Amino acid sequence: MTCNNPNCPMCHPGHDREDHDNASLPCPPIQTHTHEFAGSVQIAGPIPHNHRFAGVSSEAIPYGKSHVHAILVNTDFFFNHYHELGVRTGPAIPIKGNKHIHYVEGKTTLNFNHIHDFAFTTFIENPLQD
């Protein structure tokens, strides 16, 4: 990935660090951020039960004036089956400390003749950084 800054030594070899420090257009981060998440689906099925899941989202995907994340994860097993959650989060929801979370809702894949609804929020992005 290259930025539009011709003085960026990371994107345009041949320039030194001093050039980068004086550049008017900073180099964008190569990576953005992800969110951890964990939750349980709602009870459903011919034998009423639920499933648990946990994981890490994709990096940020620009969306309007905000961003979203993709989530693709399997639930745990129950009575010889599991489900997949494949969903896009909602836009960022600001919280205290200049941090944010995302609201997520949807339905699992159909398996063993049923689906499960789910709703959760992601964990705070990079919670230990100020």
C-alpha atoms as a PDB file:
ATOM      1  CA  MET A   1       0.000   0.000   0.000  1.00  0.00           C
ATOM      2  CA  THR A   2       1.329   3.461  -0.793  1.00  0.00           C
ATOM      3  CA  CYS A   3       0.140   6.833   0.383  1.00  0.00           C
ATOM      4  CA  ASN A   4      -0.007  10.026  -1.652  1.00  0.00           C
ATOM      5  CA  ASN A   5       2.944  11.521   0.187  1.00  0.00           C
ATOM      6  CA  PRO A   6       6.002  11.464  -2.138  1.00  0.00           C
ATOM      7  CA  ASN A   7       8.230  12.126   0.911  1.00  0.00           C
ATOM      8  CA  CYS A   8       7.107   9.060   2.866  1.00  0.00           C
ATOM      9  CA  PRO A   9      10.133   6.764   3.298  1.00  0.00           C
ATOM     10  CA  MET A  10       7.927   3.740   3.957  1.00  0.00           C
ATOM     11  CA  CYS A  11       5.983   4.156   0.723  1.00  0.00           C
ATOM     12  CA  HIS A  12       8.574   5.840  -1.478  1.00  0.00           C
ATOM     13  CA  PRO A  13      12.111   4.503  -0.881  1.00  0.00           C
ATOM     14  CA  GLY A  14      14.976   6.921  -1.257  1.00  0.00           C
ATOM     15  CA  HIS A  15      13.785   9.436   1.362  1.00  0.00           C
ATOM     16  CA  ASP A  16      15.122   9.524   4.893  1.00  0.00           C
ATOM     17  CA  ARG A  17      13.329   9.861   8.223  1.00  0.00           C
ATOM     18  CA  GLU A  18      13.924  13.632   8.331  1.00  0.00           C
ATOM     19  CA  ASP A  19      11.918  13.958   5.108  1.00  0.00           C
ATOM     20  CA  HIS A  20       9.094  11.973   6.700  1.00  0.00           C
ATOM     21  CA  ASP A  21       9.031  14.165   9.816  1.00  0.00           C
ATOM     22  CA  ASN A  22       8.708  17.304   7.667  1.00  0.00           C
ATOM     23  CA  ALA A  23       6.093  15.884   5.305  1.00  0.00           C
ATOM     24  CA  SER A  24       2.754  17.663   5.080  1.00  0.00           C
ATOM     25  CA  LEU A  25       0.826  14.424   4.412  1.00  0.00           C
ATOM     26  CA  PRO A  26       1.414  11.742   7.047  1.00  0.00           C
ATOM     27  CA  CYS A  27       1.559   8.139   6.015  1.00  0.00           C
ATOM     28  CA  PRO A  28      -1.672   6.263   6.826  1.00  0.00           C
ATOM     29  CA  PRO A  29      -1.428   3.290   9.165  1.00  0.00           C
ATOM     30  CA  ILE A  30      -0.865   0.005   7.397  1.00  0.00           C
ATOM     31  CA  GLN A  31      -3.258  -1.701   9.790  1.00  0.00           C
ATOM     32  CA  THR A  32      -6.346  -0.173  11.362  1.00  0.00           C
ATOM     33  CA  HIS A  33      -7.909  -1.953  14.339  1.00  0.00           C
ATOM     34  CA  THR A  34     -10.002  -4.969  15.272  1.00  0.00           C
ATOM     35  CA  HIS A  35     -12.453  -5.771  18.058  1.00  0.00           C
ATOM     36  CA  GLU A  36     -12.760  -8.838  20.226  1.00  0.00           C
ATOM     37  CA  PHE A  37     -16.246 -10.219  20.803  1.00  0.00           C
ATOM     38  CA  ALA A  38     -17.964 -13.027  22.689  1.00  0.00           C
ATOM     39  CA  GLY A  39     -21.548 -14.003  23.246  1.00  0.00           C
ATOM     40  CA  SER A  40     -24.329 -16.533  23.142  1.00  0.00           C
ATOM     41  CA  VAL A  41     -27.108 -17.016  20.633  1.00  0.00           C
ATOM     42  CA  GLN A  42     -30.739 -17.057  21.742  1.00  0.00           C
ATOM     43  CA  ILE A  43     -32.371 -20.354  22.714  1.00  0.00           C
ATOM     44  CA  ALA A  44     -33.967 -22.183  19.764  1.00  0.00           C
ATOM     45  CA  GLY A  45     -34.342 -25.602  18.141  1.00  0.00           C
ATOM     46  CA  PRO A  46     -36.478 -28.715  18.524  1.00  0.00           C
ATOM     47  CA  ILE A  47     -34.418 -29.456  21.637  1.00  0.00           C
ATOM     48  CA  PRO A  48     -34.212 -25.947  23.168  1.00  0.00           C
ATOM     49  CA  HIS A  49     -30.572 -24.915  23.490  1.00  0.00           C
ATOM     50  CA  ASN A  50     -28.119 -22.137  22.762  1.00  0.00           C
ATOM     51  CA  HIS A  51     -24.516 -21.879  21.570  1.00  0.00           C
ATOM     52  CA  ARG A  52     -21.542 -19.730  22.530  1.00  0.00           C
ATOM     53  CA  PHE A  53     -19.041 -17.994  20.270  1.00  0.00           C
ATOM     54  CA  ALA A  54     -15.976 -15.750  20.497  1.00  0.00           C
ATOM     55  CA  GLY A  55     -13.480 -14.221  18.123  1.00  0.00           C
ATOM     56  CA  VAL A  56     -11.857 -11.149  16.614  1.00  0.00           C
ATOM     57  CA  SER A  57     -13.420  -8.982  13.906  1.00  0.00           C
ATOM     58  CA  SER A  58     -11.875  -7.923  10.613  1.00  0.00           C
ATOM     59  CA  GLU A  59     -10.020  -4.630  10.406  1.00  0.00           C
ATOM     60  CA  ALA A  60     -12.066  -1.458   9.962  1.00  0.00           C
ATOM     61  CA  ILE A  61     -14.026  -1.109   6.708  1.00  0.00           C
ATOM     62  CA  PRO A  62     -14.869   2.535   5.810  1.00  0.00           C
ATOM     63  CA  TYR A  63     -18.629   3.162   5.940  1.00  0.00           C
ATOM     64  CA  GLY A  64     -19.981   6.682   5.442  1.00  0.00           C
ATOM     65  CA  LYS A  65     -18.443   8.936   8.083  1.00  0.00           C
ATOM     66  CA  SER A  66     -17.689   5.921  10.277  1.00  0.00           C
ATOM     67  CA  HIS A  67     -16.594   2.323   9.752  1.00  0.00           C
ATOM     68  CA  VAL A  68     -17.831  -1.236  10.265  1.00  0.00           C
ATOM     69  CA  HIS A  69     -16.197  -4.651  10.726  1.00  0.00           C
ATOM     70  CA  ALA A  70     -16.877  -8.094   9.268  1.00  0.00           C
ATOM     71  CA  ILE A  71     -17.463 -11.020  11.616  1.00  0.00           C
ATOM     72  CA  LEU A  72     -17.309 -14.668  10.596  1.00  0.00           C
ATOM     73  CA  VAL A  73     -17.184 -17.291  13.337  1.00  0.00           C
ATOM     74  CA  ASN A  74     -18.515 -20.739  14.275  1.00  0.00           C
ATOM     75  CA  THR A  75     -20.471 -21.423  17.441  1.00  0.00           C
ATOM     76  CA  ASP A  76     -19.603 -24.254  19.777  1.00  0.00           C
ATOM     77  CA  PHE A  77     -21.121 -27.724  19.248  1.00  0.00           C
ATOM     78  CA  PHE A  78     -24.338 -28.937  20.824  1.00  0.00           C
ATOM     79  CA  PHE A  79     -25.957 -32.303  20.088  1.00  0.00           C
ATOM     80  CA  ASN A  80     -23.875 -32.944  16.939  1.00  0.00           C
ATOM     81  CA  HIS A  81     -24.209 -29.541  15.283  1.00  0.00           C
ATOM     82  CA  TYR A  82     -22.966 -25.968  15.263  1.00  0.00           C
ATOM     83  CA  HIS A  83     -23.857 -22.750  13.405  1.00  0.00           C
ATOM     84  CA  GLU A  84     -21.960 -19.969  11.642  1.00  0.00           C
ATOM     85  CA  LEU A  85     -22.351 -16.247  12.279  1.00  0.00           C
ATOM     86  CA  GLY A  86     -21.518 -14.148   9.232  1.00  0.00           C
ATOM     87  CA  VAL A  87     -22.419 -10.490   9.677  1.00  0.00           C
ATOM     88  CA  ARG A  88     -21.277  -6.899   9.360  1.00  0.00           C
ATOM     89  CA  THR A  89     -21.272  -4.779  12.516  1.00  0.00           C
ATOM     90  CA  GLY A  90     -23.088  -1.495  12.792  1.00  0.00           C
ATOM     91  CA  PRO A  91     -21.102   1.748  12.655  1.00  0.00           C
ATOM     92  CA  ALA A  92     -18.912   2.837  15.572  1.00  0.00           C
ATOM     93  CA  ILE A  93     -20.698   3.866  18.776  1.00  0.00           C
ATOM     94  CA  PRO A  94     -18.561   6.391  20.697  1.00  0.00           C
ATOM     95  CA  ILE A  95     -17.988   5.731  24.390  1.00  0.00           C
ATOM     96  CA  LYS A  96     -16.019   7.459  27.148  1.00  0.00           C
ATOM     97  CA  GLY A  97     -12.303   7.993  26.621  1.00  0.00           C
ATOM     98  CA  ASN A  98     -12.417   8.557  22.860  1.00  0.00           C
ATOM     99  CA  LYS A  99     -13.059   4.832  22.327  1.00  0.00           C
ATOM    100  CA  HIS A 100     -15.871   2.993  20.570  1.00  0.00           C
ATOM    101  CA  ILE A 101     -17.797  -0.268  20.268  1.00  0.00           C
ATOM    102  CA  HIS A 102     -20.093  -1.744  17.600  1.00  0.00           C
ATOM    103  CA  TYR A 103     -23.609  -3.208  17.848  1.00  0.00           C
ATOM    104  CA  VAL A 104     -24.112  -6.525  16.051  1.00  0.00           C
ATOM    105  CA  GLU A 105     -27.307  -8.469  15.345  1.00  0.00           C
ATOM    106  CA  GLY A 106     -28.426 -11.182  12.986  1.00  0.00           C
ATOM    107  CA  LYS A 107     -29.291 -14.844  12.528  1.00  0.00           C
ATOM    108  CA  THR A 108     -27.054 -17.896  12.417  1.00  0.00           C
ATOM    109  CA  THR A 109     -26.906 -20.323   9.533  1.00  0.00           C
ATOM    110  CA  LEU A 110     -29.585 -23.014   9.338  1.00  0.00           C
ATOM    111  CA  ASN A 111     -28.376 -26.298  10.785  1.00  0.00           C
ATOM    112  CA  PHE A 112     -30.152 -29.238  12.406  1.00  0.00           C
ATOM    113  CA  ASN A 113     -33.442 -27.729  11.158  1.00  0.00           C
ATOM    114  CA  HIS A 114     -33.209 -24.421  13.017  1.00  0.00           C
ATOM    115  CA  ILE A 115     -31.497 -21.040  13.281  1.00  0.00           C
ATOM    116  CA  HIS A 116     -30.683 -18.808  16.252  1.00  0.00           C
ATOM    117  CA  ASP A 117     -31.007 -15.030  16.601  1.00  0.00           C
ATOM    118  CA  PHE A 118     -28.163 -13.107  18.194  1.00  0.00           C
ATOM    119  CA  ALA A 119     -27.405  -9.565  19.370  1.00  0.00           C
ATOM    120  CA  PHE A 120     -24.251  -8.306  21.092  1.00  0.00           C
ATOM    121  CA  THR A 121     -21.710  -5.511  21.179  1.00  0.00           C
ATOM    122  CA  THR A 122     -18.025  -5.801  20.441  1.00  0.00           C
ATOM    123  CA  PHE A 123     -15.478  -5.143  23.129  1.00  0.00           C
ATOM    124  CA  ILE A 124     -13.743  -1.749  23.234  1.00  0.00           C
ATOM    125  CA  GLU A 125     -11.040  -1.387  20.604  1.00  0.00           C
ATOM    126  CA  ASN A 126      -7.507  -1.369  22.026  1.00  0.00           C
ATOM    127  CA  PRO A 127      -8.732  -1.049  25.647  1.00  0.00           C
ATOM    128  CA  LEU A 128      -5.298  -0.576  27.247  1.00  0.00           C
ATOM    129  CA  GLN A 129      -4.207   2.361  25.100  1.00  0.00           C
ATOM    130  CA  ASP A 130      -5.058   5.928  26.133  1.00  0.00           C
END
